Amino acid sequence: MVVPRSSNLRATLFNTEKWADLPWEQWVAQELPAMKGHPGMLIASIGHTPAEGEIIAGPVAATGVVDAIECVAYTKDTIVALVRAVRERTDLPILAKLTFNWGDDLYPAAEAALKAGATGFTAIDSIGPTLQIDIETGQPTIGGVGNKAWMSGAAIRPVAQAVVAELAHRFDAPIVGTGGIIQAEDAVEMTMVGATALGVCTAPLLRGLEWFERTHKSLSGWLDGHGYAALADLRGAALKHLHPVEDTAPLTFEFEPLKCTKCDLCVVLCPYDAREMEGDKPKTSDLKQILLEDRCRYCGLCVEVCKPEALTYGNWPR
């Protein structure tokens, strides 16, 4: 049975792509030399084993057009040996591409990669395996037991940002933040958690190469509107607000009755029955929100479902 290699779901991409369809010799002899004089930084992504790195790294560096090499591996152990093999064959900057799939071993692997010669990181690779089923036929639309699929795009951005922030907190090394940057605001957010540069793939694949110009224009407008000269001015701006230990202080809430539409979602959807409302008419000063503190677990769902923002946090963000 043949299944598609890519599947789009709301700016999220599922894929079963492997490596380049072209042999590495063609990249070295034709594709990379053709990029001579390119206007940006050219990063050659190679992998995925140390043995392959030993063969490919030297010829790739010898083209003279590559500015950095990205090492990609499927296991936490392989990435370290791969970086070491590439470092022995070039003085070019090396990016170790990290994946959330390594779990708690991700950060020890990152540290080991730096010690093996990596200059910085790319975070993160696509995550998975993933599986999607057509419920009318029972057939997989993407993925399977033997044909594993992976997910990139919008759905993984919160995961990628958490990894980037942790890397920025732990290591003094450049980070290419990649995973789910779909619009200008995503680029701002990824930069604020510590990304030195940004990587994109899903967005231009789904929306065309014109995405770069549109997003750049939108990003410039956002920066101008917020008084920033460059995106770099925001680098790491959010890190000081990330609490190193769990904040156990209970949330406080504020209620503005003149904004309330009396939809009662805050009352109906509270899983702890901790909300009550007094008053029948919306947008009047007579409306009152009552919090039953002995029931409330301060989950914040009531605030999140309040579309007119009549109910807000009194002490968040802190």
Protein backbone atom coordinates (compact mmCIF):
# COMPACT_ATOMS: atom_id res chain seq x y z
CA MET A 1 0.00 0.00 0.00
CA VAL A 2 1.23 3.48 -0.88
CA VAL A 3 0.62 6.35 1.55
CA PRO A 4 1.45 10.03 0.98
CA ARG A 5 4.79 11.30 2.19
CA SER A 6 3.30 14.56 3.45
CA SER A 7 -0.04 15.55 4.90
CA ASN A 8 -1.10 19.08 5.84
CA LEU A 9 -3.31 19.73 8.84
CA ARG A 10 -3.77 23.39 9.82
CA ALA A 11 -0.18 24.49 9.13
CA THR A 12 1.14 21.26 10.63
CA LEU A 13 2.95 18.82 8.39
CA PHE A 14 3.18 15.05 8.74
CA ASN A 15 5.90 13.47 6.65
CA THR A 16 7.75 10.24 5.98
CA GLU A 17 10.64 11.97 4.27
CA LYS A 18 14.03 10.37 4.68
CA TRP A 19 17.22 11.99 3.38
CA ALA A 20 18.17 13.74 0.14
CA ASP A 21 17.00 12.14 -3.08
CA LEU A 22 20.35 13.14 -4.60
CA PRO A 23 23.60 11.32 -3.76
CA TRP A 24 26.01 13.28 -1.62
CA GLU A 25 28.57 13.25 -4.43
CA GLN A 26 26.19 15.30 -6.58
CA TRP A 27 25.72 17.82 -3.80
CA VAL A 28 29.48 18.24 -3.51
CA ALA A 29 30.19 18.32 -7.26
CA GLN A 30 27.21 20.34 -8.50
CA GLU A 31 24.57 21.59 -6.07
CA LEU A 32 26.78 23.31 -3.48
CA PRO A 33 29.19 24.93 -5.98
CA ALA A 34 26.15 26.31 -7.77
CA MET A 35 25.41 28.30 -4.60
CA LYS A 36 28.66 30.26 -4.82
CA GLY A 37 27.99 33.93 -4.16
CA HIS A 38 24.74 33.22 -2.31
CA PRO A 39 23.54 36.25 -0.30
CA GLY A 40 23.00 34.44 2.99
CA MET A 41 24.63 31.86 5.22
CA LEU A 42 24.77 28.42 3.61
CA ILE A 43 24.38 25.53 6.05
CA ALA A 44 24.92 21.98 4.81
CA SER A 45 22.91 19.42 6.79
CA ILE A 46 24.61 16.02 6.91
CA GLY A 47 24.18 12.74 8.77
CA HIS A 48 23.02 10.55 10.10
CA THR A 49 25.83 8.28 11.37
CA PRO A 50 29.47 8.90 12.33
CA ALA A 51 30.60 6.72 9.42
CA GLU A 52 28.71 8.91 6.96
CA GLY A 53 30.08 12.04 8.63
CA GLU A 54 33.61 10.75 8.18
CA ILE A 55 33.01 10.37 4.44
CA ILE A 56 30.95 13.48 3.70
CA ALA A 57 32.23 16.25 6.00
CA GLY A 58 35.61 16.81 4.36
CA PRO A 59 34.37 17.05 0.76
CA VAL A 60 31.48 19.30 1.83
CA ALA A 61 33.82 21.70 3.62
CA ALA A 62 36.26 21.60 0.69
CA THR A 63 33.66 23.12 -1.65
CA GLY A 64 34.51 26.46 -0.08
CA VAL A 65 30.93 27.72 -0.26
CA VAL A 66 29.53 26.21 2.92
CA ASP A 67 29.46 28.49 5.97
CA ALA A 68 28.47 25.88 8.56
CA ILE A 69 27.60 22.20 8.87
CA GLU A 70 24.54 20.89 10.66
CA CYS A 71 24.82 17.39 12.10
CA VAL A 72 21.59 15.38 12.18
CA ALA A 73 21.29 12.01 13.90
CA TYR A 74 18.45 9.77 14.96
CA THR A 75 19.82 8.84 18.40
CA LYS A 76 21.31 10.80 21.28
CA ASP A 77 24.43 8.64 21.25
CA THR A 78 25.00 8.99 17.52
CA ILE A 79 24.84 12.80 17.51
CA VAL A 80 27.91 13.10 19.75
CA ALA A 81 30.03 10.71 17.69
CA LEU A 82 28.83 12.37 14.50
CA VAL A 83 29.81 15.84 15.73
CA ARG A 84 33.21 14.54 16.77
CA ALA A 85 33.79 12.95 13.36
CA VAL A 86 32.83 16.15 11.55
CA ARG A 87 34.92 18.34 13.86
CA GLU A 88 38.00 16.25 13.08
CA ARG A 89 37.55 17.11 9.42
CA THR A 90 36.66 20.81 9.41
CA ASP A 91 37.03 24.08 11.29
CA LEU A 92 33.63 25.28 10.11
CA PRO A 93 30.96 26.05 12.71
CA ILE A 94 28.94 22.93 13.57
CA LEU A 95 25.29 22.89 14.63
CA ALA A 96 24.05 19.80 16.48
CA LYS A 97 20.40 19.26 15.61
CA LEU A 98 18.45 18.16 18.67
CA THR A 99 15.13 16.39 18.92
CA PHE A 100 12.49 16.31 21.63
CA ASN A 101 12.21 12.58 20.98
CA TRP A 102 15.26 12.05 23.22
CA GLY A 103 13.32 13.07 26.31
CA ASP A 104 15.38 13.73 29.44
CA ASP A 105 18.53 12.71 27.56
CA LEU A 106 18.27 15.72 25.25
CA TYR A 107 20.23 18.15 27.43
CA PRO A 108 23.03 15.75 28.43
CA ALA A 109 23.37 14.97 24.71
CA ALA A 110 23.52 18.70 23.94
CA GLU A 111 26.26 19.21 26.49
CA ALA A 112 28.22 16.23 25.16
CA ALA A 113 27.86 17.55 21.61
CA LEU A 114 29.41 20.87 22.66
CA LYS A 115 32.31 19.06 24.27
CA ALA A 116 32.73 17.00 21.08
CA GLY A 117 33.14 20.16 19.01
CA ALA A 118 29.70 21.56 18.24
CA THR A 119 29.48 25.36 18.00
CA GLY A 120 25.76 25.55 18.73
CA PHE A 121 22.40 23.89 18.23
CA THR A 122 19.42 23.59 15.94
CA ALA A 123 16.30 22.96 17.99
CA ILE A 124 14.17 21.09 17.28
CA ASP A 125 13.86 18.34 14.70
CA SER A 126 10.40 17.02 13.81
CA ILE A 127 8.77 14.89 16.51
CA GLY A 128 7.12 11.53 16.40
CA PRO A 129 6.41 8.89 15.34
CA THR A 130 2.93 10.07 14.42
CA LEU A 131 -0.06 8.30 12.95
CA GLN A 132 -3.22 9.56 11.27
CA ILE A 133 -6.16 7.35 10.27
CA ASP A 134 -9.01 7.80 7.79
CA ILE A 135 -11.96 6.73 9.95
CA GLU A 136 -14.07 5.91 6.87
CA THR A 137 -11.66 3.28 5.61
CA GLY A 138 -9.45 2.49 8.59
CA GLN A 139 -6.43 3.12 6.38
CA PRO A 140 -3.55 5.32 7.53
CA THR A 141 -3.34 8.65 5.76
CA ILE A 142 0.17 9.08 7.08
CA GLY A 143 2.45 6.85 9.10
CA GLY A 144 2.21 3.26 10.20
CA VAL A 145 3.95 0.58 12.23
CA GLY A 146 6.74 0.00 9.74
CA ASN A 147 6.44 3.29 7.86
CA LYS A 148 7.01 5.88 10.56
CA ALA A 149 5.87 9.48 10.07
CA TRP A 150 7.00 12.65 11.79
CA MET A 151 5.33 15.96 12.61
CA SER A 152 6.55 19.49 12.05
CA GLY A 153 4.89 22.87 11.82
CA ALA A 154 2.55 24.85 14.05
CA ALA A 155 1.73 22.01 16.46
CA ILE A 156 5.31 21.62 17.65
CA ARG A 157 6.22 25.28 18.21
CA PRO A 158 5.41 25.33 21.96
CA VAL A 159 7.60 22.24 22.36
CA ALA A 160 10.42 23.78 20.30
CA GLN A 161 10.28 27.01 22.31
CA ALA A 162 10.50 25.15 25.60
CA VAL A 163 13.62 23.36 24.37
CA VAL A 164 15.18 26.58 23.02
CA ALA A 165 14.55 28.34 26.33
CA GLU A 166 16.11 25.50 28.30
CA LEU A 167 19.15 25.43 26.02
CA ALA A 168 19.55 29.20 26.35
CA HIS A 169 19.35 28.86 30.12
CA ARG A 170 21.91 26.06 30.31
CA PHE A 171 24.46 26.86 27.62
CA ASP A 172 26.25 29.88 26.21
CA ALA A 173 25.93 28.81 22.58
CA PRO A 174 24.02 30.01 19.51
CA ILE A 175 20.67 28.34 18.84
CA VAL A 176 18.74 28.11 15.58
CA GLY A 177 15.14 27.94 16.78
CA THR A 178 13.05 25.92 14.36
CA GLY A 179 9.68 24.28 14.50
CA GLY A 180 6.31 25.88 13.83
CA ILE A 181 7.20 29.44 12.88
CA ILE A 182 4.21 30.30 10.71
CA GLN A 183 3.81 34.07 11.17
CA ALA A 184 5.77 37.11 12.29
CA GLU A 185 4.59 36.87 15.89
CA ASP A 186 5.98 33.33 16.06
CA ALA A 187 9.39 34.63 15.04
CA VAL A 188 9.22 37.23 17.81
CA GLU A 189 8.25 34.62 20.38
CA MET A 190 11.00 32.20 19.36
CA THR A 191 13.56 34.99 19.56
CA MET A 192 12.33 36.09 22.97
CA VAL A 193 13.02 32.63 24.41
CA GLY A 194 16.63 32.78 23.26
CA ALA A 195 16.92 31.81 19.60
CA THR A 196 19.91 33.36 17.84
CA ALA A 197 18.53 32.62 14.39
CA LEU A 198 15.32 31.10 13.03
CA GLY A 199 14.69 28.07 10.85
CA VAL A 200 11.53 27.53 8.81
CA CYS A 201 10.35 24.72 6.59
CA THR A 202 6.63 23.98 6.89
CA ALA A 203 5.40 27.55 6.30
CA PRO A 204 7.07 28.12 2.90
CA LEU A 205 6.26 24.55 1.86
CA LEU A 206 2.55 25.13 2.43
CA ARG A 207 2.31 28.82 1.52
CA GLY A 208 4.97 29.28 -1.14
CA LEU A 209 8.27 31.14 -1.18
CA GLU A 210 6.36 34.41 -1.11
CA TRP A 211 5.87 33.61 2.58
CA PHE A 212 9.34 35.01 3.32
CA GLU A 213 8.61 38.45 1.89
CA ARG A 214 5.16 38.67 3.48
CA THR A 215 6.42 37.57 6.88
CA HIS A 216 9.44 39.86 6.73
CA LYS A 217 7.16 42.82 5.97
CA SER A 218 4.81 41.86 8.78
CA LEU A 219 7.70 41.38 11.18
CA SER A 220 9.19 44.77 10.30
CA GLY A 221 5.82 46.37 10.96
CA TRP A 222 5.53 44.65 14.33
CA LEU A 223 9.04 45.75 15.36
CA ASP A 224 8.43 49.34 14.26
CA GLY A 225 5.12 49.41 16.08
CA HIS A 226 6.73 48.22 19.29
CA GLY A 227 9.77 50.50 19.09
CA TYR A 228 12.45 47.93 18.21
CA ALA A 229 15.14 48.55 15.63
CA ALA A 230 15.86 44.88 14.98
CA LEU A 231 14.66 41.42 15.95
CA ALA A 232 17.95 40.85 17.77
CA ASP A 233 16.93 43.48 20.31
CA LEU A 234 14.35 41.00 21.62
CA ARG A 235 16.69 38.05 21.95
CA GLY A 236 16.17 36.32 25.29
CA ALA A 237 13.77 38.99 26.55
CA ALA A 238 11.41 36.38 28.01
CA LEU A 239 14.05 34.34 29.81
CA LYS A 240 14.10 36.55 32.91
CA HIS A 241 10.40 35.88 33.39
CA LEU A 242 10.73 32.08 33.34
CA HIS A 243 10.64 30.95 36.94
CA PRO A 244 13.39 28.47 37.87
CA VAL A 245 11.09 26.84 40.44
CA GLU A 246 7.37 26.21 40.42
CA ASP A 247 5.34 29.22 41.43
CA THR A 248 2.76 27.97 43.94
CA ALA A 249 1.16 31.34 44.76
CA PRO A 250 -2.57 31.14 43.96
CA LEU A 251 -3.92 33.21 41.10
CA THR A 252 -6.03 36.25 41.81
CA PHE A 253 -8.84 37.42 39.57
CA GLU A 254 -10.34 40.73 38.52
CA PHE A 255 -13.86 41.22 37.13
CA GLU A 256 -15.09 44.15 35.04
CA PRO A 257 -18.89 43.91 34.90
CA LEU A 258 -19.27 46.45 32.08
CA LYS A 259 -17.35 44.12 29.76
CA CYS A 260 -19.33 41.01 30.72
CA THR A 261 -21.81 39.67 28.15
CA LYS A 262 -23.34 37.23 30.65
CA CYS A 263 -22.45 34.21 28.53
CA ASP A 264 -21.83 32.34 31.81
CA LEU A 265 -19.04 30.22 30.32
CA CYS A 266 -16.86 30.95 33.34
CA VAL A 267 -19.58 29.45 35.54
CA VAL A 268 -20.71 26.55 33.36
CA LEU A 269 -17.24 25.36 32.36
CA CYS A 270 -15.60 25.54 35.78
CA PRO A 271 -14.76 21.89 36.56
CA TYR A 272 -14.86 22.62 40.30
CA ASP A 273 -18.17 24.54 40.43
CA ALA A 274 -16.25 27.39 42.01
CA ARG A 275 -17.87 30.26 40.09
CA GLU A 276 -21.23 31.93 40.59
CA MET A 277 -22.73 35.04 38.98
CA GLU A 278 -25.16 37.50 40.55
CA GLY A 279 -27.29 39.68 38.30
CA ASP A 280 -29.19 38.97 35.09
CA LYS A 281 -28.45 41.82 32.72
CA PRO A 282 -25.12 41.95 30.84
CA LYS A 283 -22.82 44.97 30.82
CA THR A 284 -24.17 46.55 34.00
CA SER A 285 -22.31 47.51 37.13
CA ASP A 286 -24.74 45.36 39.13
CA LEU A 287 -23.19 42.12 37.85
CA LYS A 288 -21.04 40.35 40.39
CA GLN A 289 -18.64 37.45 40.11
CA ILE A 290 -18.42 35.23 43.15
CA LEU A 291 -15.43 32.94 43.69
CA LEU A 292 -15.95 30.01 46.05
CA GLU A 293 -12.38 29.84 47.30
CA ASP A 294 -12.81 26.52 49.11
CA ARG A 295 -13.60 24.89 45.74
CA CYS A 296 -11.28 26.79 43.39
CA ARG A 297 -8.07 25.06 42.27
CA TYR A 298 -6.83 28.16 40.43
CA CYS A 299 -6.54 26.43 37.06
CA GLY A 300 -7.39 29.65 35.19
CA LEU A 301 -9.88 28.07 32.79
CA CYS A 302 -12.48 30.69 33.67
CA VAL A 303 -10.19 33.47 32.45
CA GLU A 304 -9.17 31.62 29.31
CA VAL A 305 -12.78 31.12 28.14
CA CYS A 306 -13.82 34.75 28.79
CA LYS A 307 -13.76 36.23 25.28
CA PRO A 308 -14.69 39.83 26.22
CA GLU A 309 -11.91 39.76 28.86
CA ALA A 310 -14.26 40.75 31.61
CA LEU A 311 -12.52 38.24 33.85
CA THR A 312 -8.74 38.63 34.01
CA TYR A 313 -5.81 37.66 36.20
CA GLY A 314 -4.89 40.09 38.93
CA ASN A 315 -1.38 38.75 39.41
CA TRP A 316 -0.40 37.10 36.12
CA PRO A 317 1.98 37.44 34.44
CA ARG A 318 4.08 37.98 37.54
